[in-house]
C-alpha atoms as a PDB file:
ATOM      1  CA  MET A   1      -9.251  11.042  16.030  1.00  0.00           C
ATOM      2  CA  SER A   2      -7.176   9.803  13.100  1.00  0.00           C
ATOM      3  CA  LEU A   3      -8.013   6.475  11.493  1.00  0.00           C
ATOM      4  CA  LEU A   4      -4.374   5.366  11.813  1.00  0.00           C
ATOM      5  CA  GLU A   5      -1.946   6.672  14.422  1.00  0.00           C
ATOM      6  CA  ILE A   6       1.643   5.466  14.562  1.00  0.00           C
ATOM      7  CA  GLU A   7       3.398   6.728  17.670  1.00  0.00           C
ATOM      8  CA  ASP A   8       7.172   6.536  18.178  1.00  0.00           C
ATOM      9  CA  ILE A   9       7.532   2.939  16.979  1.00  0.00           C
ATOM     10  CA  GLN A  10      10.832   1.139  17.332  1.00  0.00           C
ATOM     11  CA  THR A  11      11.023  -1.832  14.962  1.00  0.00           C
ATOM     12  CA  TYR A  12      13.866  -4.298  14.510  1.00  0.00           C
ATOM     13  CA  TYR A  13      14.869  -7.134  12.216  1.00  0.00           C
ATOM     14  CA  GLY A  14      16.824  -9.282  14.639  1.00  0.00           C
ATOM     15  CA  GLU A  15      19.322  -6.860  16.155  1.00  0.00           C
ATOM     16  CA  SER A  16      19.077  -4.392  13.278  1.00  0.00           C
ATOM     17  CA  HIS A  17      17.236  -1.265  14.442  1.00  0.00           C
ATOM     18  CA  VAL A  18      15.207  -0.240  11.375  1.00  0.00           C
ATOM     19  CA  LEU A  19      12.585   2.214  12.651  1.00  0.00           C
ATOM     20  CA  GLU A  20      13.903   4.605  15.264  1.00  0.00           C
ATOM     21  CA  GLY A  21      10.848   6.446  16.526  1.00  0.00           C
ATOM     22  CA  VAL A  22       8.539   6.781  13.510  1.00  0.00           C
ATOM     23  CA  SER A  23       5.348   8.724  14.171  1.00  0.00           C
ATOM     24  CA  LEU A  24       2.655   9.606  11.636  1.00  0.00           C
ATOM     25  CA  GLU A  25      -1.096   9.916  11.260  1.00  0.00           C
ATOM     26  CA  VAL A  26      -3.565   9.118   8.497  1.00  0.00           C
ATOM     27  CA  GLU A  27      -6.974  10.748   8.618  1.00  0.00           C
ATOM     28  CA  ARG A  28     -10.046   8.915   7.395  1.00  0.00           C
ATOM     29  CA  GLY A  29     -10.470   9.522   3.652  1.00  0.00           C
ATOM     30  CA  GLU A  30      -6.879  10.649   3.097  1.00  0.00           C
ATOM     31  CA  VAL A  31      -4.181   9.354   0.798  1.00  0.00           C
ATOM     32  CA  VAL A  32      -0.824   9.617   2.558  1.00  0.00           C
ATOM     33  CA  ALA A  33       2.463   8.760   0.842  1.00  0.00           C
ATOM     34  CA  LEU A  34       5.649   7.510   2.471  1.00  0.00           C
ATOM     35  CA  VAL A  35       8.629   8.493   0.345  1.00  0.00           C
ATOM     36  CA  GLY A  36      12.367   8.047   0.751  1.00  0.00           C
ATOM     37  CA  ARG A  37      15.354   6.149  -0.569  1.00  0.00           C
ATOM     38  CA  ASN A  38      15.443   2.357  -0.627  1.00  0.00           C
ATOM     39  CA  GLY A  39      16.138   0.791   2.730  1.00  0.00           C
ATOM     40  CA  VAL A  40      15.041   3.670   4.974  1.00  0.00           C
ATOM     41  CA  GLY A  41      12.085   1.857   6.558  1.00  0.00           C
ATOM     42  CA  LYS A  42       9.051   2.533   4.375  1.00  0.00           C
ATOM     43  CA  THR A  43       7.983  -1.089   3.895  1.00  0.00           C
ATOM     44  CA  THR A  44       8.895  -1.857   7.511  1.00  0.00           C
ATOM     45  CA  THR A  45       6.425   0.828   8.566  1.00  0.00           C
ATOM     46  CA  LEU A  46       3.644  -0.990   6.703  1.00  0.00           C
ATOM     47  CA  ARG A  47       4.751  -4.321   8.160  1.00  0.00           C
ATOM     48  CA  SER A  48       4.656  -2.769  11.637  1.00  0.00           C
ATOM     49  CA  VAL A  49       1.045  -1.710  11.109  1.00  0.00           C
ATOM     50  CA  LEU A  50       0.141  -5.206   9.951  1.00  0.00           C
ATOM     51  CA  GLN A  51       2.048  -6.772  12.872  1.00  0.00           C
ATOM     52  CA  LEU A  52       4.112  -8.821  10.439  1.00  0.00           C
ATOM     53  CA  THR A  53       7.123  -7.183  12.082  1.00  0.00           C
ATOM     54  CA  PRO A  54       5.701  -5.948  15.394  1.00  0.00           C
ATOM     55  CA  PRO A  55       7.380  -2.896  16.940  1.00  0.00           C
ATOM     56  CA  ARG A  56       9.280  -3.513  20.176  1.00  0.00           C
ATOM     57  CA  ALA A  57       8.182  -0.133  21.520  1.00  0.00           C
ATOM     58  CA  GLY A  58       5.685   2.565  20.624  1.00  0.00           C
ATOM     59  CA  ASP A  59       2.104   2.058  19.510  1.00  0.00           C
ATOM     60  CA  VAL A  60       0.019   1.562  16.375  1.00  0.00           C
ATOM     61  CA  ARG A  61      -3.638   2.570  16.805  1.00  0.00           C
ATOM     62  CA  TYR A  62      -6.370   1.907  14.286  1.00  0.00           C
ATOM     63  CA  ASP A  63      -9.669   3.655  14.825  1.00  0.00           C
ATOM     64  CA  GLY A  64      -8.547   4.422  18.364  1.00  0.00           C
ATOM     65  CA  GLU A  65      -7.567   0.874  19.343  1.00  0.00           C
ATOM     66  CA  SER A  66      -4.048  -0.518  19.570  1.00  0.00           C
ATOM     67  CA  LEU A  67      -3.030  -3.160  17.037  1.00  0.00           C
ATOM     68  CA  VAL A  68       0.177  -4.092  18.847  1.00  0.00           C
ATOM     69  CA  GLY A  69       0.150  -7.722  19.898  1.00  0.00           C
ATOM     70  CA  LEU A  70      -2.595  -8.804  17.514  1.00  0.00           C
ATOM     71  CA  ASP A  71      -2.103 -11.486  14.904  1.00  0.00           C
ATOM     72  CA  THR A  72      -1.920 -10.218  11.330  1.00  0.00           C
ATOM     73  CA  HIS A  73      -5.227 -11.875  10.409  1.00  0.00           C
ATOM     74  CA  GLU A  74      -6.868  -9.996  13.296  1.00  0.00           C
ATOM     75  CA  VAL A  75      -5.532  -6.714  11.899  1.00  0.00           C
ATOM     76  CA  ALA A  76      -6.946  -7.658   8.494  1.00  0.00           C
ATOM     77  CA  ASP A  77     -10.303  -8.582  10.027  1.00  0.00           C
ATOM     78  CA  ARG A  78     -10.565  -5.021  11.369  1.00  0.00           C
ATOM     79  CA  GLY A  79     -10.520  -3.656   7.832  1.00  0.00           C
ATOM     80  CA  VAL A  80      -6.832  -3.162   7.054  1.00  0.00           C
ATOM     81  CA  GLY A  81      -5.823  -4.422   3.599  1.00  0.00           C
ATOM     82  CA  TRP A  82      -2.412  -4.831   2.029  1.00  0.00           C
ATOM     83  CA  ILE A  83      -1.109  -4.754  -1.533  1.00  0.00           C
ATOM     84  CA  PRO A  84       2.449  -6.060  -1.140  1.00  0.00           C
ATOM     85  CA  GLU A  85       5.370  -5.233  -3.377  1.00  0.00           C
ATOM     86  CA  ASP A  86       6.261  -8.867  -4.025  1.00  0.00           C
ATOM     87  CA  ARG A  87       3.109  -9.814  -5.984  1.00  0.00           C
ATOM     88  CA  ARG A  88       1.718 -12.518  -3.718  1.00  0.00           C
ATOM     89  CA  VAL A  89      -0.563 -14.220  -6.197  1.00  0.00           C
ATOM     90  CA  PHE A  90      -1.720 -17.821  -6.198  1.00  0.00           C
ATOM     91  CA  ALA A  91       0.432 -19.202  -8.989  1.00  0.00           C
ATOM     92  CA  HIS A  92      -1.683 -22.281  -9.825  1.00  0.00           C
ATOM     93  CA  LEU A  93      -5.009 -20.448  -9.857  1.00  0.00           C
ATOM     94  CA  THR A  94      -6.306 -18.466 -12.795  1.00  0.00           C
ATOM     95  CA  VAL A  95      -6.493 -14.699 -12.871  1.00  0.00           C
ATOM     96  CA  GLU A  96     -10.243 -14.863 -12.331  1.00  0.00           C
ATOM     97  CA  GLU A  97      -9.879 -17.273  -9.415  1.00  0.00           C
ATOM     98  CA  ASN A  98      -7.268 -15.023  -7.795  1.00  0.00           C
ATOM     99  CA  VAL A  99      -9.586 -12.037  -7.974  1.00  0.00           C
ATOM    100  CA  THR A 100     -12.647 -13.990  -6.831  1.00  0.00           C
ATOM    101  CA  LEU A 101     -10.829 -15.264  -3.741  1.00  0.00           C
ATOM    102  CA  SER A 102     -10.195 -11.659  -2.692  1.00  0.00           C
ATOM    103  CA  ILE A 103     -13.864 -10.679  -2.769  1.00  0.00           C
ATOM    104  CA  PRO A 104     -15.295 -10.662   0.779  1.00  0.00           C
ATOM    105  CA  PRO A 105     -17.761 -13.427   1.705  1.00  0.00           C
ATOM    106  CA  GLY A 106     -21.210 -12.478   0.524  1.00  0.00           C
ATOM    107  CA  GLY A 107     -19.800  -9.938  -1.918  1.00  0.00           C
ATOM    108  CA  ASP A 108     -20.909  -9.589  -5.516  1.00  0.00           C
ATOM    109  CA  GLU A 109     -18.371 -11.643  -7.468  1.00  0.00           C
ATOM    110  CA  ARG A 110     -19.462 -10.339 -10.852  1.00  0.00           C
ATOM    111  CA  ALA A 111     -19.179  -6.731  -9.694  1.00  0.00           C
ATOM    112  CA  GLY A 112     -15.802  -7.450  -8.115  1.00  0.00           C
ATOM    113  CA  LEU A 113     -14.456  -8.984 -11.283  1.00  0.00           C
ATOM    114  CA  GLU A 114     -15.755  -6.049 -13.314  1.00  0.00           C
ATOM    115  CA  THR A 115     -13.986  -3.641 -10.933  1.00  0.00           C
ATOM    116  CA  ALA A 116     -10.720  -5.516 -11.489  1.00  0.00           C
ATOM    117  CA  TYR A 117     -11.122  -5.650 -15.258  1.00  0.00           C
ATOM    118  CA  GLU A 118     -12.106  -1.991 -15.527  1.00  0.00           C
ATOM    119  CA  ALA A 119      -8.946  -1.081 -13.650  1.00  0.00           C
ATOM    120  CA  PHE A 120      -6.767  -3.370 -15.756  1.00  0.00           C
ATOM    121  CA  PRO A 121      -8.445  -4.340 -19.053  1.00  0.00           C
ATOM    122  CA  ASP A 122      -5.535  -6.613 -19.972  1.00  0.00           C
ATOM    123  CA  LEU A 123      -6.556  -8.959 -17.146  1.00  0.00           C
ATOM    124  CA  ARG A 124      -9.905  -9.619 -18.821  1.00  0.00           C
ATOM    125  CA  ASP A 125      -8.116 -11.035 -21.867  1.00  0.00           C
ATOM    126  CA  ILE A 126      -6.028 -13.429 -19.741  1.00  0.00           C
ATOM    127  CA  SER A 127      -8.646 -14.239 -17.097  1.00  0.00           C
ATOM    128  CA  ASP A 128      -8.339 -18.001 -17.685  1.00  0.00           C
ATOM    129  CA  ARG A 129      -4.538 -18.132 -17.478  1.00  0.00           C
ATOM    130  CA  GLU A 130      -2.728 -19.354 -14.375  1.00  0.00           C
ATOM    131  CA  ALA A 131      -1.153 -16.492 -12.444  1.00  0.00           C
ATOM    132  CA  GLY A 132       2.203 -18.251 -12.357  1.00  0.00           C
ATOM    133  CA  SER A 133       2.447 -18.050 -16.140  1.00  0.00           C
ATOM    134  CA  LEU A 134       2.046 -14.253 -16.255  1.00  0.00           C
ATOM    135  CA  SER A 135       4.786 -11.704 -16.755  1.00  0.00           C
ATOM    136  CA  GLY A 136       5.995  -9.693 -13.795  1.00  0.00           C
ATOM    137  CA  GLY A 137       3.968  -6.688 -14.885  1.00  0.00           C
ATOM    138  CA  GLN A 138       0.832  -8.770 -15.301  1.00  0.00           C
ATOM    139  CA  GLN A 139       1.297 -10.297 -11.856  1.00  0.00           C
ATOM    140  CA  GLN A 140       1.673  -6.819 -10.396  1.00  0.00           C
ATOM    141  CA  MET A 141      -1.579  -5.745 -12.031  1.00  0.00           C
ATOM    142  CA  LEU A 142      -3.280  -8.827 -10.616  1.00  0.00           C
ATOM    143  CA  SER A 143      -1.908  -8.163  -7.137  1.00  0.00           C
ATOM    144  CA  ILE A 144      -3.239  -4.605  -7.198  1.00  0.00           C
ATOM    145  CA  ALA A 145      -6.590  -5.726  -8.609  1.00  0.00           C
ATOM    146  CA  ARG A 146      -6.983  -8.196  -5.745  1.00  0.00           C
ATOM    147  CA  GLY A 147      -6.445  -5.378  -3.272  1.00  0.00           C
ATOM    148  CA  LEU A 148      -8.978  -3.177  -5.020  1.00  0.00           C
ATOM    149  CA  VAL A 149     -11.850  -5.660  -4.753  1.00  0.00           C
ATOM    150  CA  ASN A 150     -11.342  -6.450  -1.060  1.00  0.00           C
ATOM    151  CA  GLU A 151     -13.516  -4.051   0.918  1.00  0.00           C
ATOM    152  CA  ASN A 152     -11.147  -2.333   3.358  1.00  0.00           C
ATOM    153  CA  ASP A 153     -11.379   0.883   5.338  1.00  0.00           C
ATOM    154  CA  LEU A 154      -7.589   1.296   5.159  1.00  0.00           C
ATOM    155  CA  LEU A 155      -5.430  -0.020   2.344  1.00  0.00           C
ATOM    156  CA  LEU A 156      -1.643  -0.238   2.677  1.00  0.00           C
ATOM    157  CA  VAL A 157      -0.059  -0.131  -0.775  1.00  0.00           C
ATOM    158  CA  ASP A 158       3.619  -0.997  -1.252  1.00  0.00           C
ATOM    159  CA  GLU A 159       5.369   0.188  -4.435  1.00  0.00           C
ATOM    160  CA  PRO A 160       2.418  -0.364  -6.811  1.00  0.00           C
ATOM    161  CA  SER A 161       4.264   0.935  -9.889  1.00  0.00           C
ATOM    162  CA  GLU A 162       7.376  -1.199  -9.394  1.00  0.00           C
ATOM    163  CA  GLY A 163       8.386  -2.934 -12.634  1.00  0.00           C
ATOM    164  CA  LEU A 164       5.462  -1.652 -14.674  1.00  0.00           C
ATOM    165  CA  ALA A 165       5.542  -0.011 -18.101  1.00  0.00           C
ATOM    166  CA  PRO A 166       4.602   3.706 -18.168  1.00  0.00           C
ATOM    167  CA  LEU A 167       1.166   3.061 -19.695  1.00  0.00           C
ATOM    168  CA  ILE A 168       0.344   0.538 -16.971  1.00  0.00           C
ATOM    169  CA  VAL A 169       1.578   2.993 -14.342  1.00  0.00           C
ATOM    170  CA  GLU A 170      -1.069   5.417 -15.601  1.00  0.00           C
ATOM    171  CA  ASN A 171      -3.691   2.703 -15.097  1.00  0.00           C
ATOM    172  CA  VAL A 172      -2.366   2.096 -11.581  1.00  0.00           C
ATOM    173  CA  ALA A 173      -2.615   5.790 -10.733  1.00  0.00           C
ATOM    174  CA  ASP A 174      -6.171   6.007 -12.070  1.00  0.00           C
ATOM    175  CA  SER A 175      -7.174   2.861 -10.174  1.00  0.00           C
ATOM    176  CA  LEU A 176      -5.735   4.051  -6.874  1.00  0.00           C
ATOM    177  CA  GLN A 177      -7.396   7.439  -7.240  1.00  0.00           C
ATOM    178  CA  SER A 178     -10.678   5.651  -7.874  1.00  0.00           C
ATOM    179  CA  VAL A 179     -10.391   3.396  -4.832  1.00  0.00           C
ATOM    180  CA  ALA A 180      -9.361   6.423  -2.730  1.00  0.00           C
ATOM    181  CA  GLU A 181     -12.870   7.797  -3.189  1.00  0.00           C
ATOM    182  CA  ASP A 182     -14.085   5.138  -0.724  1.00  0.00           C
ATOM    183  CA  THR A 183     -10.939   3.911   1.048  1.00  0.00           C
ATOM    184  CA  THR A 184      -8.161   5.518   3.070  1.00  0.00           C
ATOM    185  CA  LEU A 185      -4.708   4.808   1.614  1.00  0.00           C
ATOM    186  CA  LEU A 186      -1.208   4.689   3.057  1.00  0.00           C
ATOM    187  CA  LEU A 187       1.061   4.456   0.038  1.00  0.00           C
ATOM    188  CA  VAL A 188       4.752   3.573  -0.268  1.00  0.00           C
ATOM    189  CA  GLU A 189       5.950   4.680  -3.681  1.00  0.00           C
ATOM    190  CA  GLN A 190       9.422   5.217  -5.151  1.00  0.00           C
ATOM    191  CA  ASN A 191       7.916   6.994  -8.166  1.00  0.00           C
ATOM    192  CA  LEU A 192       7.790  10.486  -6.663  1.00  0.00           C
ATOM    193  CA  PRO A 193       5.642  12.134  -9.372  1.00  0.00           C
ATOM    194  CA  LEU A 194       3.067   9.352  -8.967  1.00  0.00           C
ATOM    195  CA  ALA A 195       3.104   9.657  -5.172  1.00  0.00           C
ATOM    196  CA  LEU A 196       2.652  13.430  -5.236  1.00  0.00           C
ATOM    197  CA  ASP A 197      -0.106  13.159  -7.817  1.00  0.00           C
ATOM    198  CA  ILE A 198      -2.163  10.682  -5.789  1.00  0.00           C
ATOM    199  CA  ALA A 199      -1.467  11.737  -2.200  1.00  0.00           C
ATOM    200  CA  ASP A 200      -2.994  14.495  -0.077  1.00  0.00           C
ATOM    201  CA  ARG A 201       0.002  14.533   2.266  1.00  0.00           C
ATOM    202  CA  PHE A 202       3.455  12.974   2.427  1.00  0.00           C
ATOM    203  CA  TYR A 203       6.057  11.914   4.961  1.00  0.00           C
ATOM    204  CA  VAL A 204       9.755  11.638   4.074  1.00  0.00           C
ATOM    205  CA  LEU A 205      11.617   8.817   5.820  1.00  0.00           C
ATOM    206  CA  ASP A 206      15.382   8.693   6.182  1.00  0.00           C
ATOM    207  CA  ASN A 207      17.432   6.297   8.296  1.00  0.00           C
ATOM    208  CA  GLY A 208      14.386   4.996  10.114  1.00  0.00           C
ATOM    209  CA  ARG A 209      12.995   8.403  11.053  1.00  0.00           C
ATOM    210  CA  VAL A 210      10.452  10.866   9.690  1.00  0.00           C
ATOM    211  CA  VAL A 211      12.495  13.872   8.568  1.00  0.00           C
ATOM    212  CA  ASP A 212       9.800  15.906   6.819  1.00  0.00           C
ATOM    213  CA  GLU A 213       6.063  16.057   6.237  1.00  0.00           C
ATOM    214  CA  ASP A 214       3.680  18.335   4.379  1.00  0.00           C
ATOM    215  CA  THR A 215       0.631  18.499   2.156  1.00  0.00           C
ATOM    216  CA  THR A 216       1.174  17.905  -1.545  1.00  0.00           C
ATOM    217  CA  ASP A 217      -0.532  21.168  -2.510  1.00  0.00           C
ATOM    218  CA  GLY A 218       1.764  23.024  -4.879  1.00  0.00           C
ATOM    219  CA  VAL A 219       4.665  20.651  -4.198  1.00  0.00           C
ATOM    220  CA  THR A 220       6.690  19.365  -7.159  1.00  0.00           C
ATOM    221  CA  THR A 221       9.528  16.899  -7.548  1.00  0.00           C
ATOM    222  CA  ASP A 222      11.922  19.843  -7.808  1.00  0.00           C
ATOM    223  CA  ASP A 223      11.329  20.702  -4.154  1.00  0.00           C
ATOM    224  CA  GLU A 224      14.711  20.782  -2.411  1.00  0.00           C
ATOM    225  CA  ARG A 225      13.344  18.567   0.350  1.00  0.00           C
ATOM    226  CA  PHE A 226      13.341  15.674  -2.084  1.00  0.00           C
ATOM    227  CA  GLN A 227      16.979  16.028  -3.143  1.00  0.00           C
ATOM    228  CA  ARG A 228      18.017  13.589  -0.428  1.00  0.00           C
ATOM    229  CA  LEU A 229      15.933  10.885  -2.105  1.00  0.00           C
ATOM    230  CA  SER A 230      18.399  10.584  -4.962  1.00  0.00           C
ATOM    231  CA  ALA A 231      21.510  10.926  -2.807  1.00  0.00           C
END
């Protein structure tokens, strides 16, 4: 049984039909990437798992049990974490306070902070600054760090390299590969080389449907199946 099973989900924003029968699976311990052009339904797939935008039909099963109809906090309580694209940090709290709040109750705060700072050393130097005063790249690092210290069985990661300088992107890749040693990842990433480097398997979405899937073994960005992504 897969850890996450998405079966023929139909998801709408109002009357706009965004996902038209998406099905995919994520095995425990895998890193699976969702790739495709902007606007084809990748983020909506993550939101459907989280029940932020519940599907009107189809099913989302986590560890064999349906998530459809649950509140988002109930999905999170089952061990599903989320690193959103839009850097949802607490603007008036410091970097350290943001990270500490993400550490599960009873967790080792010092160890959690060290995990965050090892992943992104720049955060250590600005740990006492309010998150709202950080640059976009710094806020993105903080958002990812918060996801890394929250103990989840499945982590949904949305465009982690968006807006980051190349050197920071390398840190992001290293950090995600590290967390993947203990956590299953479903990754949305526009940076195709990064996605293929991190993931074990990939799904290509186009117009709200899965149009291709494969392992990443031996696959490069020159593969003709990815030509549609730049169309």
